[in-house]
Structures are given as structure tokens and as C-alpha cells.
Amino acid sequence: MSSFQVWECQVCGWIYDEAKGAPDEGIAPGTRWQDIPDDWVCPECGVGKADFEMVATRLSSPQPAPVAAVTLPQTDTLPIIIIGSGLAGYNLLKALRELDNTIPISLFTADDGSYYSKPQLSTGFGKQKTAAELVQASAEQMAQQYQADIHIFSKVAAINPPENYIELQSGARHYYAKLVLATGASCIPLQLQGNAGAEAITVNNLQDYARLRTQLKNKQRVLVLGAGLIGSEYANDLLQAGYQVTLVDALAGPLQQLLPGAASARLAQAFAAKGASCHFGTVVQALHRDGKRLTAQLSNGITVDTDLVISAIGVRPDLTLAAQAGLNTSRGIITNRFLQTSQSDIYALGDAVEVDGKVMVYVQPLLAQAKALAQTLAGKPTPVCYGVMPVTVKTSLHPVVVNLPQSTLGGSWQIDTDTPSGVKARFVSHDQRLLGYALTGDQTGFSQQLNQQCPAILPE
């Protein structure tokens, strides 16, 4: 029998190992990829087996193989340096190695460089996953597999574009042939009044997730501030894990910036049916602590008792290094279609990049950027293109798939179906062209059909 294979979801990075199967999903160990039903969907992001490519990444072995010493190409050529070990940085590394095994590559990260899928952070409680269990590979294993020089706990303090080097906080300098910023996005800071105003925590990486799990030990009540994409996913995950969740947002319902009112209302109903206490159209003004008691004062006059507060009011591109280096920035690091910044030897991708005025902090644009930029860095200039890229929101209590309308021509939402089990809504232009859609619940199966009618976000 041939060796088992390992497959990776190209949307969220979830790994399927044929040897181990996916018992939580009802797939027995030893099940071959081709034997999984065609209607199966990724448990992390909800994409279908036939809808998104999953690629074999390595041969599976029943026991972890020992990590050998890293063998790097013997060359005096300056390396491509990647700053950041998130999905953007590591997917670029992987894409480059698919094209060329000889290009010297160095990757610098401020943390331990663990490779994990960030989308899994907002499903970990429901699946009872610790931070360690979300790690798919260590930095050492990534260095071995992809022949890269990976520097962990090495925070970059500055970039010197005229002399082509980066400087670490330690003062060490590393010179580059090309530099890639994969610095991601940071949580928007929240300023609250009260003696406990600084106690609200954010979750933006694996270390934050580990801290959240630790702080939630022996606690049951969680207040989630913000009902956007991340806040809604965390509320859903904590509800599924049995926590008492209070959800607060200034807008009229969850995902209000993505969904029409009818779809937002159905998601709110699903949260409430699971036991969530939802307060919309209001904000938290202050957090107060009196001994072990933590209370939140809402602007509508309501006081909420809780054990822990999660701030999920949004993220914004991390422009710190780009601004220090004098790169052109706006909402993100401004690049052309080749992901080249205002400095010809510096490129950017991921949540921090702004291409044609678009900042898209989702996984699918990131993967498209990694593939295009790898081609460019390998010597074949390739512009990035975005096709139709629906966003799957991981709210298993009431699933959501939305393809945001990109056109500036105007239009309106048309509700085709609105029942407690699901909503189908289309965003159409004044001349009745389909520009986007929102699907919830049992209507999400229409996604592929509608994708064929929607325009590309960033056409070729």
C-alpha cells in the first residue's frame, strides 16, 4: 500500500492527515482523500472539497520523524528576507520553495515561529483545542522542510532601504536582496473608563489564545465587545463550548457591516437561542472591579456582571515598520499589482497590504498574493489577481457566507429567502447586475452558483 498523504486546505490552512483521519468529523484513520465524500466541507472554514483546492504537502508517518539539521543552499547571494511568520509569511515561503529550492530565504519573527492556522483561533474552544494542539509545525520543522533560515524571537526594529538591511532590537543587522513585509494586522486598542478599563483582552495570535484559555479556567461568563466577524466567531465558539456569553455592539446586530438587516437578525436569533445575552445599539463605557466582581457599564444604562472581557472591535494593518522605512502607506502598505512598495526592493503581502486601494484582511486574498509574489521573486513578474472571494464566517450556530459587493456604482440588497433556518440575499446594481450576496443557514449552498455570476474583485 502506498504511503499516506497529508493535505492542506488552501483557504484556512487546516491539515488533513490520511493516516490520522478526522475522528471529530466522522472520518476514520486511514481514510484516503479520494474516499472522503464530495459534499464534505472543511471543518474550519466551510469550503467544499470540490470548491477549493487542497494539495498534498508531505508523506504522513505514524510517528513524528526526527528533525534533521537544516541544510541551506551554499551561496554568497544575499537572501530574500521575510518579516513575519503568520499565514502570509509562511505561505510565501512555501510558494517560493515550490518554484525554486536554491534561493536563499531568511524569515524573522518576534515569536516562536510556530506554524498554525489563525482562523482556528476562533474555533478552538468548541473543539476543546489547546494552543499547543493548534500548532501544525514548529519553526525548526518549517526550517527543515522548506530550507529556510528562520530566526525566532527576533523582533525587527528598523529597516534601512538605502543600504538594504534590517536591524533587530538586539542591534544585529541582516542584509537582503529583496525584503518582504508580512507584518499582518493589529487589534484596534480600546479605551475604557473605570478602574478595570485595561482588563479587556484581545486575541490576535497563538500566544493570545493561550492566555485566554488560561484566564478562562474556572470561569463561565464572558463579555465580547464587538459583533463583527471576529467577535461573532468568538461568541459562537464560546457558546458552543458552554460559556455564558454577553455580546455588545454599537450597531443594530451582528455582522452589520457585512450583511443586510434580515441576515444579521437571523444570526442574532441563533445566538440568543443558544443562550447569549445580546445588547446591540450600545457600547461599553466603563469596566469596574470590586474584589472578584467585574462589571461593565453600558451606554444604555445596563450593568453586566462578567468574569472576563474580550475586545473584538476590529483590526488594522500594522504599518509600524513600513512607516519607519519611509514607505508609502494609507490604510495599508501601498503596493502595485506586483506587491511592490514605493521602494523597489521591498514588497508586502497579507493583512497589511493595500492593493489598488483595497485592504482585504481575509485568507483567500492572502493566498493569491503569496502565489503571485512567489512568481515575481523567482524571476517571473506576476500581478496579483482577486477573483470572486466569498468570506465564510465560522458561526456554526447559523453559518454565514458573504461576497461583499465591490462596485462603487451603487445598488441595493434584495431578499430572496428569509426564514429562521436561513437567508438568501443578493446585492444588485441599478441595472440588475449581481454584485454580491449574503447567505446564511441552510441557504449557504447557493454560494457556488452565485459566484459564477459575480464580478472579480481585482480582474486580470
Protein backbone atom coordinates (compact mmCIF):
# COMPACT_ATOMS: atom_id res chain seq x y z
CA MET A 1 0.00 0.00 0.00
CA SER A 2 1.33 3.46 -0.86
CA SER A 3 2.22 5.90 1.89
CA PHE A 4 -0.47 8.05 3.39
CA GLN A 5 -0.65 11.66 2.29
CA VAL A 6 -1.21 14.91 4.14
CA TRP A 7 -3.48 17.53 2.60
CA GLU A 8 -3.78 21.22 3.44
CA CYS A 9 -6.78 23.47 2.96
CA GLN A 10 -5.62 26.39 0.84
CA VAL A 11 -8.17 28.73 2.38
CA CYS A 12 -7.55 28.30 6.11
CA GLY A 13 -4.53 26.01 6.37
CA TRP A 14 -6.39 23.15 8.09
CA ILE A 15 -4.47 19.88 7.77
CA TYR A 16 -5.98 16.50 6.86
CA ASP A 17 -3.64 13.57 7.52
CA GLU A 18 -4.90 10.38 5.88
CA ALA A 19 -3.15 8.24 8.49
CA LYS A 20 -4.89 10.01 11.38
CA GLY A 21 -8.21 10.73 9.68
CA ALA A 22 -10.52 13.28 11.32
CA PRO A 23 -12.44 11.40 14.04
CA ASP A 24 -14.16 14.59 15.21
CA GLU A 25 -15.64 14.88 11.71
CA GLY A 26 -16.58 11.20 11.46
CA ILE A 27 -13.65 10.28 9.20
CA ALA A 28 -11.80 7.16 10.36
CA PRO A 29 -7.99 6.93 10.46
CA GLY A 30 -6.62 5.59 7.19
CA THR A 31 -9.31 7.21 5.03
CA ARG A 32 -7.85 8.30 1.70
CA TRP A 33 -8.57 11.78 0.43
CA GLN A 34 -10.34 10.44 -2.65
CA ASP A 35 -12.64 8.37 -0.42
CA ILE A 36 -13.98 11.36 1.51
CA PRO A 37 -17.49 12.24 0.22
CA ASP A 38 -17.58 15.05 -2.33
CA ASP A 39 -20.08 17.00 -0.20
CA TRP A 40 -17.66 17.14 2.75
CA VAL A 41 -16.64 20.62 3.87
CA CYS A 42 -13.58 21.89 5.69
CA PRO A 43 -14.39 21.91 9.42
CA GLU A 44 -12.54 25.18 9.95
CA CYS A 45 -13.66 27.45 7.12
CA GLY A 46 -16.55 25.60 5.50
CA VAL A 47 -15.23 25.43 1.94
CA GLY A 48 -16.22 22.37 -0.05
CA LYS A 49 -13.85 19.64 -1.18
CA ALA A 50 -14.67 20.30 -4.82
CA ASP A 51 -14.80 24.06 -4.37
CA PHE A 52 -11.29 24.81 -3.15
CA GLU A 53 -8.05 23.11 -3.98
CA MET A 54 -6.37 21.06 -1.28
CA VAL A 55 -2.84 19.97 -2.05
CA ALA A 56 -0.67 17.09 -0.90
CA THR A 57 2.11 18.54 1.22
CA ARG A 58 4.14 15.63 2.54
CA LEU A 59 4.07 11.91 3.24
CA SER A 60 2.47 11.05 6.55
CA SER A 61 4.19 8.80 9.06
CA PRO A 62 2.52 7.21 12.11
CA GLN A 63 5.23 8.60 14.42
CA PRO A 64 6.78 12.07 14.15
CA ALA A 65 10.05 11.88 12.24
CA PRO A 66 13.13 13.29 13.95
CA VAL A 67 14.07 16.75 12.82
CA ALA A 68 17.37 16.72 10.97
CA ALA A 69 19.81 19.57 10.80
CA VAL A 70 18.79 22.29 8.38
CA THR A 71 20.70 22.24 5.09
CA LEU A 72 20.74 25.62 3.40
CA PRO A 73 21.94 26.39 -0.12
CA GLN A 74 25.65 27.15 -0.20
CA THR A 75 25.76 30.58 -1.75
CA ASP A 76 27.11 34.05 -1.13
CA THR A 77 23.96 35.57 -2.61
CA LEU A 78 22.03 37.83 -0.27
CA PRO A 79 18.75 36.26 0.81
CA ILE A 80 15.15 37.18 0.37
CA ILE A 81 14.13 38.26 3.88
CA ILE A 82 10.56 37.78 5.04
CA ILE A 83 9.40 39.61 8.17
CA GLY A 84 6.54 37.74 9.83
CA SER A 85 5.67 34.09 10.46
CA GLY A 86 1.91 34.22 10.09
CA LEU A 87 -0.05 32.67 7.24
CA ALA A 88 1.26 35.34 4.84
CA GLY A 89 4.94 34.84 5.60
CA TYR A 90 4.86 31.06 5.73
CA ASN A 91 2.63 30.68 2.66
CA LEU A 92 5.05 32.84 0.70
CA LEU A 93 7.93 30.65 1.88
CA LYS A 94 6.06 27.53 0.79
CA ALA A 95 5.13 29.03 -2.58
CA LEU A 96 8.74 30.09 -3.22
CA ARG A 97 10.02 26.61 -2.44
CA GLU A 98 7.55 25.11 -4.91
CA LEU A 99 9.28 27.18 -7.58
CA ASP A 100 12.93 27.18 -6.52
CA ASN A 101 14.91 25.23 -3.92
CA THR A 102 18.07 27.29 -4.27
CA ILE A 103 17.01 30.85 -3.48
CA PRO A 104 18.36 31.70 0.00
CA ILE A 105 15.46 32.72 2.25
CA SER A 106 15.56 34.10 5.78
CA LEU A 107 12.45 34.62 7.89
CA PHE A 108 12.36 36.76 11.04
CA THR A 109 9.63 36.57 13.64
CA ALA A 110 9.11 38.14 17.05
CA ASP A 111 7.55 34.96 18.48
CA ASP A 112 8.47 31.26 18.48
CA GLY A 113 7.61 30.86 14.78
CA SER A 114 5.05 28.09 15.26
CA TYR A 115 3.09 27.39 12.10
CA TYR A 116 -0.64 27.37 12.76
CA SER A 117 -3.84 28.42 11.07
CA LYS A 118 -5.03 31.72 12.53
CA PRO A 119 -8.67 31.04 11.57
CA GLN A 120 -8.60 28.13 14.03
CA LEU A 121 -8.16 30.52 16.95
CA SER A 122 -11.88 31.32 16.82
CA THR A 123 -12.99 27.67 16.82
CA GLY A 124 -10.61 26.28 19.43
CA PHE A 125 -12.88 26.35 22.48
CA GLY A 126 -15.72 24.48 20.81
CA LYS A 127 -13.26 21.85 19.63
CA GLN A 128 -11.51 21.79 23.03
CA LYS A 129 -8.14 22.56 21.48
CA THR A 130 -5.25 23.92 23.49
CA ALA A 131 -2.82 26.36 21.92
CA ALA A 132 -0.25 23.58 21.58
CA GLU A 133 -2.78 21.39 19.76
CA LEU A 134 -3.33 24.11 17.14
CA VAL A 135 0.35 24.10 16.15
CA GLN A 136 0.92 22.24 12.89
CA ALA A 137 4.72 22.56 12.81
CA SER A 138 7.47 24.16 14.86
CA ALA A 139 9.82 26.76 13.41
CA GLU A 140 12.55 24.11 13.39
CA GLN A 141 10.38 21.77 11.35
CA MET A 142 9.43 24.56 8.94
CA ALA A 143 13.11 25.47 8.53
CA GLN A 144 13.96 21.88 7.74
CA GLN A 145 11.10 21.23 5.35
CA TYR A 146 11.40 24.49 3.41
CA GLN A 147 15.18 25.03 3.66
CA ALA A 148 14.94 28.43 5.25
CA ASP A 149 16.96 30.27 7.86
CA ILE A 150 14.26 31.06 10.45
CA HIS A 151 15.09 33.49 13.27
CA ILE A 152 12.67 33.16 16.20
CA PHE A 153 12.23 35.73 18.97
CA SER A 154 13.95 38.20 16.65
CA LYS A 155 11.92 41.38 16.52
CA VAL A 156 12.84 43.72 13.68
CA ALA A 157 13.29 47.25 14.98
CA ALA A 158 14.12 49.11 11.77
CA ILE A 159 14.63 48.87 8.02
CA ASN A 160 17.34 50.74 6.13
CA PRO A 161 16.20 50.78 2.47
CA PRO A 162 19.21 52.69 1.05
CA GLU A 163 21.63 50.08 2.39
CA ASN A 164 19.31 47.07 2.11
CA TYR A 165 19.41 45.80 5.67
CA ILE A 166 17.10 45.22 8.60
CA GLU A 167 18.11 45.86 12.19
CA LEU A 168 16.91 43.77 15.10
CA GLN A 169 16.18 45.03 18.58
CA SER A 170 19.44 43.38 19.59
CA GLY A 171 21.27 45.67 17.18
CA ALA A 172 22.19 42.89 14.75
CA ARG A 173 21.98 43.77 11.06
CA HIS A 174 20.93 41.43 8.26
CA TYR A 175 21.30 42.39 4.61
CA TYR A 176 18.81 41.42 1.94
CA ALA A 177 18.47 41.17 -1.82
CA LYS A 178 14.69 41.56 -1.55
CA LEU A 179 12.62 42.27 1.54
CA VAL A 180 9.02 41.20 2.12
CA LEU A 181 6.82 42.67 4.84
CA ALA A 182 4.25 40.19 6.14
CA THR A 183 3.57 42.12 9.31
CA GLY A 184 -0.17 41.46 9.47
CA ALA A 185 -2.76 43.46 11.35
CA SER A 186 -3.00 44.55 14.97
CA CYS A 187 -6.07 44.71 17.18
CA ILE A 188 -7.56 48.18 17.47
CA PRO A 189 -6.90 49.40 21.01
CA LEU A 190 -9.92 50.02 23.22
CA GLN A 191 -10.04 52.88 25.70
CA LEU A 192 -12.49 52.27 28.55
CA GLN A 193 -13.18 54.19 31.70
CA GLY A 194 -13.21 52.62 35.16
CA ASN A 195 -10.61 51.04 37.38
CA ALA A 196 -10.70 47.84 35.28
CA GLY A 197 -10.68 49.55 31.89
CA ALA A 198 -7.37 47.93 30.97
CA GLU A 199 -8.56 44.38 31.72
CA ALA A 200 -10.22 43.77 28.34
CA ILE A 201 -8.03 41.35 26.39
CA THR A 202 -7.55 40.86 22.66
CA VAL A 203 -6.84 37.67 20.74
CA ASN A 204 -4.71 38.08 17.62
CA ASN A 205 -2.20 35.23 17.76
CA LEU A 206 -1.44 31.87 19.31
CA GLN A 207 0.04 33.37 22.46
CA ASP A 208 -3.09 35.49 22.98
CA TYR A 209 -5.21 32.37 22.58
CA ALA A 210 -3.14 30.51 25.18
CA ARG A 211 -3.54 33.42 27.58
CA LEU A 212 -7.31 33.49 27.02
CA ARG A 213 -7.62 29.77 27.75
CA THR A 214 -5.60 30.18 30.92
CA GLN A 215 -7.63 33.15 32.16
CA LEU A 216 -10.91 31.35 31.47
CA LYS A 217 -10.07 28.43 33.72
CA ASN A 218 -12.83 28.06 36.32
CA LYS A 219 -14.78 30.94 34.79
CA GLN A 220 -18.10 30.86 32.92
CA ARG A 221 -19.18 34.40 32.00
CA VAL A 222 -17.59 36.16 29.03
CA LEU A 223 -18.39 39.60 27.66
CA VAL A 224 -17.48 40.02 23.98
CA LEU A 225 -17.14 43.61 22.79
CA GLY A 226 -17.83 43.85 19.08
CA ALA A 227 -20.08 41.70 16.92
CA GLY A 228 -18.14 41.97 13.69
CA LEU A 229 -16.52 38.96 12.05
CA ILE A 230 -14.07 38.11 14.85
CA GLY A 231 -16.44 38.98 17.69
CA SER A 232 -19.23 36.90 16.18
CA GLU A 233 -16.91 33.94 15.67
CA TYR A 234 -15.66 34.11 19.26
CA ALA A 235 -19.19 34.46 20.60
CA ASN A 236 -20.23 31.41 18.57
CA ASP A 237 -17.22 29.38 19.70
CA LEU A 238 -17.65 30.19 23.39
CA LEU A 239 -21.38 29.47 23.25
CA GLN A 240 -20.66 26.09 21.66
CA ALA A 241 -18.15 25.40 24.45
CA GLY A 242 -20.80 26.07 27.12
CA TYR A 243 -19.83 29.55 28.31
CA GLN A 244 -22.33 32.26 29.24
CA VAL A 245 -21.79 34.92 26.60
CA THR A 246 -22.83 38.55 26.53
CA LEU A 247 -22.37 40.22 23.13
CA VAL A 248 -22.28 44.01 22.79
CA ASP A 249 -22.04 46.09 19.63
CA ALA A 250 -22.75 49.69 18.72
CA LEU A 251 -24.56 48.64 15.54
CA ALA A 252 -28.04 47.13 15.30
CA GLY A 253 -26.91 43.49 15.08
CA PRO A 254 -24.03 41.11 14.38
CA LEU A 255 -22.05 41.47 11.14
CA GLN A 256 -23.95 44.64 10.29
CA GLN A 257 -21.11 45.88 8.09
CA LEU A 258 -21.24 42.68 6.02
CA LEU A 259 -24.88 41.60 5.98
CA PRO A 260 -28.29 43.06 5.20
CA GLY A 261 -30.53 43.52 8.23
CA ALA A 262 -32.55 40.33 7.69
CA ALA A 263 -29.45 38.12 7.67
CA SER A 264 -27.96 39.87 10.69
CA ALA A 265 -31.21 39.40 12.61
CA ARG A 266 -31.25 35.64 11.94
CA LEU A 267 -27.71 35.29 13.25
CA ALA A 268 -28.65 37.27 16.37
CA GLN A 269 -31.62 34.95 16.89
CA ALA A 270 -29.34 31.92 16.69
CA PHE A 271 -27.02 33.41 19.30
CA ALA A 272 -29.93 34.19 21.59
CA ALA A 273 -31.40 30.71 21.15
CA LYS A 274 -28.10 29.27 22.39
CA GLY A 275 -28.25 31.46 25.48
CA ALA A 276 -26.35 34.61 24.51
CA SER A 277 -27.38 37.92 26.01
CA CYS A 278 -27.18 40.39 23.14
CA HIS A 279 -27.04 44.17 23.55
CA PHE A 280 -26.99 45.99 20.22
CA GLY A 281 -27.07 49.70 19.56
CA THR A 282 -25.00 50.37 22.67
CA VAL A 283 -21.36 50.35 23.81
CA VAL A 284 -19.43 49.56 26.95
CA GLN A 285 -18.39 52.81 28.61
CA ALA A 286 -16.55 51.51 31.67
CA LEU A 287 -15.29 48.41 33.43
CA HIS A 288 -15.22 48.31 37.21
CA ARG A 289 -13.70 45.78 39.56
CA ASP A 290 -14.65 45.35 43.19
CA GLY A 291 -12.65 42.42 44.51
CA LYS A 292 -13.57 39.42 42.38
CA ARG A 293 -16.59 41.14 40.87
CA LEU A 294 -16.15 42.61 37.38
CA THR A 295 -18.93 44.75 35.94
CA ALA A 296 -19.40 46.55 32.63
CA GLN A 297 -21.43 49.74 32.38
CA LEU A 298 -23.22 50.08 29.03
CA SER A 299 -24.19 53.40 27.48
CA ASN A 300 -27.88 52.37 27.60
CA GLY A 301 -27.70 52.23 31.40
CA ILE A 302 -27.48 48.45 31.75
CA THR A 303 -24.85 46.90 34.01
CA VAL A 304 -23.42 43.50 33.09
CA ASP A 305 -21.62 41.17 35.50
CA THR A 306 -18.90 39.10 33.87
CA ASP A 307 -15.74 37.14 34.60
CA LEU A 308 -13.70 38.19 31.56
CA VAL A 309 -13.91 40.72 28.73
CA ILE A 310 -12.73 40.13 25.16
CA SER A 311 -12.28 43.17 22.95
CA ALA A 312 -13.02 42.27 19.32
CA ILE A 313 -13.76 45.68 17.87
CA GLY A 314 -11.56 45.08 14.82
CA VAL A 315 -8.05 45.07 13.42
CA ARG A 316 -5.99 47.45 11.33
CA PRO A 317 -2.84 46.88 9.25
CA ASP A 318 0.40 47.08 11.18
CA LEU A 319 2.25 49.91 9.45
CA THR A 320 4.95 50.47 12.08
CA LEU A 321 7.96 49.18 10.13
CA ALA A 322 6.67 50.45 6.79
CA ALA A 323 6.24 53.97 8.13
CA GLN A 324 9.66 53.89 9.80
CA ALA A 325 11.21 52.87 6.47
CA GLY A 326 9.50 55.74 4.67
CA LEU A 327 7.27 53.52 2.52
CA ASN A 328 4.07 54.96 1.12
CA THR A 329 1.12 54.00 3.32
CA SER A 330 -2.55 54.83 3.57
CA ARG A 331 -4.97 52.37 5.17
CA GLY A 332 -2.31 49.74 4.42
CA ILE A 333 1.15 49.46 2.89
CA ILE A 334 0.57 50.75 -0.63
CA THR A 335 1.80 48.43 -3.39
CA ASN A 336 1.31 47.99 -7.09
CA ARG A 337 -0.23 44.84 -8.57
CA PHE A 338 3.16 43.11 -8.24
CA LEU A 339 3.01 43.79 -4.46
CA GLN A 340 6.00 46.09 -4.80
CA THR A 341 6.10 49.04 -2.42
CA SER A 342 7.43 52.54 -3.08
CA GLN A 343 10.92 51.06 -2.53
CA SER A 344 11.71 48.77 -5.47
CA ASP A 345 13.43 46.07 -3.38
CA ILE A 346 10.68 45.90 -0.74
CA TYR A 347 7.41 44.01 -1.16
CA ALA A 348 4.42 43.41 1.10
CA LEU A 349 1.56 40.93 1.38
CA GLY A 350 -1.12 39.79 3.77
CA ASP A 351 -3.36 41.78 6.07
CA ALA A 352 -1.06 44.82 5.98
CA VAL A 353 -1.08 45.37 2.21
CA GLU A 354 -3.21 47.78 0.18
CA VAL A 355 -3.55 46.90 -3.50
CA ASP A 356 -5.49 49.21 -5.80
CA GLY A 357 -6.96 50.89 -2.75
CA LYS A 358 -8.21 47.57 -1.32
CA VAL A 359 -7.23 46.26 2.12
CA MET A 360 -8.57 42.72 2.46
CA VAL A 361 -7.87 41.03 5.79
CA TYR A 362 -9.07 37.60 4.68
CA VAL A 363 -7.30 34.36 3.85
CA GLN A 364 -8.15 33.96 0.16
CA PRO A 365 -6.58 37.28 -0.97
CA LEU A 366 -3.51 36.41 1.11
CA LEU A 367 -3.08 33.10 -0.69
CA ALA A 368 -3.46 34.75 -4.09
CA GLN A 369 -0.81 37.30 -3.08
CA ALA A 370 1.61 34.59 -1.92
CA LYS A 371 1.37 32.69 -5.19
CA ALA A 372 1.80 35.80 -7.35
CA LEU A 373 4.62 37.26 -5.28
CA ALA A 374 6.50 33.96 -5.27
CA GLN A 375 6.48 34.01 -9.07
CA THR A 376 7.73 37.59 -9.11
CA LEU A 377 10.53 36.93 -6.63
CA ALA A 378 11.53 33.82 -8.56
CA GLY A 379 12.06 35.91 -11.69
CA LYS A 380 8.67 35.84 -13.39
CA PRO A 381 6.85 39.12 -12.66
CA THR A 382 3.23 38.22 -11.95
CA PRO A 383 0.50 40.67 -10.98
CA VAL A 384 -1.87 39.61 -8.22
CA CYS A 385 -5.47 38.99 -9.21
CA TYR A 386 -8.51 38.53 -7.00
CA GLY A 387 -11.37 36.54 -8.40
CA VAL A 388 -14.69 36.12 -6.63
CA MET A 389 -13.69 35.62 -3.00
CA PRO A 390 -16.60 34.94 -0.65
CA VAL A 391 -15.94 35.14 3.07
CA THR A 392 -17.04 32.19 5.20
CA VAL A 393 -17.83 33.29 8.75
CA LYS A 394 -17.34 30.45 11.22
CA THR A 395 -20.62 30.80 13.08
CA SER A 396 -21.71 27.18 13.22
CA LEU A 397 -24.90 28.08 15.11
CA HIS A 398 -26.01 29.85 11.93
CA PRO A 399 -23.39 29.63 9.13
CA VAL A 400 -22.68 32.71 7.02
CA VAL A 401 -21.13 33.11 3.57
CA VAL A 402 -20.90 36.62 2.17
CA ASN A 403 -19.46 38.01 -1.04
CA LEU A 404 -19.10 41.71 -0.41
CA PRO A 405 -20.12 43.98 -3.29
CA GLN A 406 -17.03 45.75 -4.62
CA SER A 407 -18.61 48.06 -7.17
CA THR A 408 -18.96 51.78 -6.50
CA LEU A 409 -21.85 52.01 -8.94
CA GLY A 410 -24.41 51.60 -6.20
CA GLY A 411 -27.16 49.11 -5.72
CA SER A 412 -29.33 47.53 -3.06
CA TRP A 413 -29.99 44.31 -1.21
CA GLN A 414 -32.78 42.05 -2.47
CA ILE A 415 -34.01 39.41 -0.04
CA ASP A 416 -34.99 36.20 -1.86
CA THR A 417 -35.44 33.99 1.21
CA ASP A 418 -35.86 34.91 4.85
CA THR A 419 -36.73 32.13 7.28
CA PRO A 420 -35.40 31.15 10.73
CA SER A 421 -33.34 28.44 9.04
CA GLY A 422 -31.62 30.73 6.55
CA VAL A 423 -31.46 33.89 4.46
CA LYS A 424 -30.60 34.33 0.80
CA ALA A 425 -29.89 37.93 -0.20
CA ARG A 426 -28.42 39.37 -3.39
CA PHE A 427 -26.83 42.79 -3.82
CA VAL A 428 -27.78 44.01 -7.29
CA SER A 429 -26.88 47.14 -9.23
CA HIS A 430 -29.43 49.58 -10.57
CA ASP A 431 -29.30 47.73 -13.88
CA GLN A 432 -29.88 44.38 -12.10
CA ARG A 433 -26.32 43.01 -12.29
CA LEU A 434 -25.33 40.80 -9.38
CA LEU A 435 -22.54 42.48 -7.41
CA GLY A 436 -22.54 40.41 -4.23
CA TYR A 437 -24.57 38.18 -1.95
CA ALA A 438 -25.16 37.13 1.64
CA LEU A 439 -26.21 33.59 2.56
CA THR A 440 -26.94 32.20 5.99
CA GLY A 441 -28.06 28.91 7.50
CA ASP A 442 -29.42 26.39 5.02
CA GLN A 443 -29.01 28.86 2.13
CA THR A 444 -25.20 28.77 2.09
CA GLY A 445 -25.26 26.01 -0.53
CA PHE A 446 -26.12 28.62 -3.17
CA SER A 447 -22.65 30.12 -2.88
CA GLN A 448 -21.06 28.39 -5.85
CA GLN A 449 -23.99 29.14 -8.12
CA LEU A 450 -23.89 32.84 -7.25
CA ASN A 451 -20.09 33.02 -7.50
CA GLN A 452 -20.39 32.33 -11.23
CA GLN A 453 -22.50 35.46 -11.64
CA CYS A 454 -20.44 37.90 -9.55
CA PRO A 455 -17.62 40.08 -10.92
CA ALA A 456 -14.00 39.51 -9.94
CA ILE A 457 -12.66 41.80 -7.24
CA LEU A 458 -9.33 42.50 -8.96
CA PRO A 459 -9.53 41.14 -12.51
CA GLU A 460 -6.56 40.00 -14.60
